[in-house]
Protein backbone atom coordinates (compact mmCIF):
# COMPACT_ATOMS: atom_id res chain seq x y z
CA UNK A 1 79.91 110.15 72.07
CA UNK A 2 78.87 107.44 69.60
CA UNK A 3 81.48 105.06 70.93
CA UNK A 4 80.08 105.55 74.43
CA UNK A 5 76.83 104.09 73.05
CA UNK A 6 78.77 101.30 71.24
CA UNK A 7 77.60 102.51 67.84
CA UNK A 8 80.00 101.90 64.94
CA UNK A 9 80.34 104.87 62.61
CA UNK A 10 81.09 105.62 58.99
CA UNK A 11 83.32 108.68 58.83
CA UNK A 12 85.70 110.36 56.43
CA UNK A 13 89.35 109.39 56.56
CA UNK A 14 90.49 112.77 57.91
CA UNK A 15 89.77 114.68 61.08
CA UNK A 16 89.17 113.72 64.67
CA UNK A 17 86.93 110.71 64.10
CA UNK A 18 89.40 109.23 61.61
CA UNK A 19 91.89 109.08 64.48
CA UNK A 20 89.45 106.98 66.52
CA UNK A 21 88.00 104.73 63.82
CA UNK A 22 89.98 101.75 62.56
CA UNK A 23 88.58 100.88 59.16
CA UNK A 24 86.79 97.54 59.26
CA UNK A 25 87.59 97.07 62.95
CA UNK A 26 85.36 99.44 64.94
CA UNK A 27 83.82 101.44 62.09
CA UNK A 28 84.28 102.31 58.45
CA UNK A 29 86.24 105.06 56.75
CA UNK A 30 85.50 106.61 53.37
CA UNK A 31 87.66 108.88 51.23
CA UNK A 32 86.84 112.49 52.12
CA UNK A 33 84.89 114.23 49.36
CA UNK A 34 84.13 110.94 47.58
CA UNK A 35 80.37 110.39 47.65
CA UNK A 36 80.71 107.12 45.71
CA UNK A 37 83.04 105.73 48.37
CA UNK A 38 80.60 106.81 51.08
CA UNK A 39 77.74 105.12 49.20
CA UNK A 40 79.89 101.98 48.89
CA UNK A 41 80.45 101.91 52.67
CA UNK A 42 76.74 102.43 53.37
CA UNK A 43 75.88 99.60 50.96
CA UNK A 44 78.44 97.42 52.70
CA UNK A 45 76.58 97.90 56.00
CA UNK A 46 73.29 97.03 54.30
CA UNK A 47 74.64 93.93 52.55
CA UNK A 48 77.04 92.44 55.10
CA UNK A 49 75.00 90.50 57.62
CA UNK A 50 76.50 90.84 61.09
CA UNK A 51 78.92 93.63 60.15
CA UNK A 52 77.48 96.10 62.65
CA UNK A 53 77.72 93.56 65.48
CA UNK A 54 81.30 92.64 64.53
CA UNK A 55 82.32 96.30 64.48
CA UNK A 56 80.47 96.93 67.75
CA UNK A 57 82.42 94.17 69.51
CA UNK A 58 85.67 96.01 68.74
CA UNK A 59 84.64 99.31 70.28
CA UNK A 60 86.67 99.78 73.43
CA UNK A 61 85.05 101.22 76.55
CA UNK A 62 85.21 105.00 76.68
CA UNK A 63 86.41 106.52 79.93
CA UNK A 64 84.06 109.35 80.87
CA UNK A 65 85.80 112.74 81.17
CA UNK A 66 84.66 112.92 84.78
CA UNK A 67 86.97 110.05 85.85
CA UNK A 68 90.32 111.66 84.96
CA UNK A 69 89.01 115.06 86.07
CA UNK A 70 88.20 113.68 89.53
CA UNK A 71 91.61 112.02 89.76
CA UNK A 72 93.38 115.26 88.84
CA UNK A 73 91.29 117.17 91.38
CA UNK A 74 92.35 114.72 94.10
CA UNK A 75 96.01 115.08 93.11
CA UNK A 76 95.78 118.87 93.36
CA UNK A 77 93.90 118.63 96.66
CA UNK A 78 96.60 116.38 98.17
CA UNK A 79 99.40 118.64 96.93
CA UNK A 80 97.77 121.79 98.28
CA UNK A 81 97.05 120.17 101.66
CA UNK A 82 100.59 118.80 101.90
CA UNK A 83 99.47 115.16 101.76
CA UNK A 84 101.91 113.74 99.25
CA UNK A 85 100.20 110.36 98.94
CA UNK A 86 100.18 110.52 95.16
């Protein structure tokens, strides 16, 4: 959801968000359970002029879930109706 709003994030280096965030490219990762590392990343955002904008530029557009869902619905509709135009 945050990437849909083009908002860079600071997240731990494990879990779902860690799979989406490239450290220093479109957000920042910190070592899970390491509050000092998290504080370091937050301070980095405060100190580094332009960092947020640089990270924001690297966030790729997010395809809304509705788009693939509509495409799949059309595929099923054409298969059921016998129109094999897929």
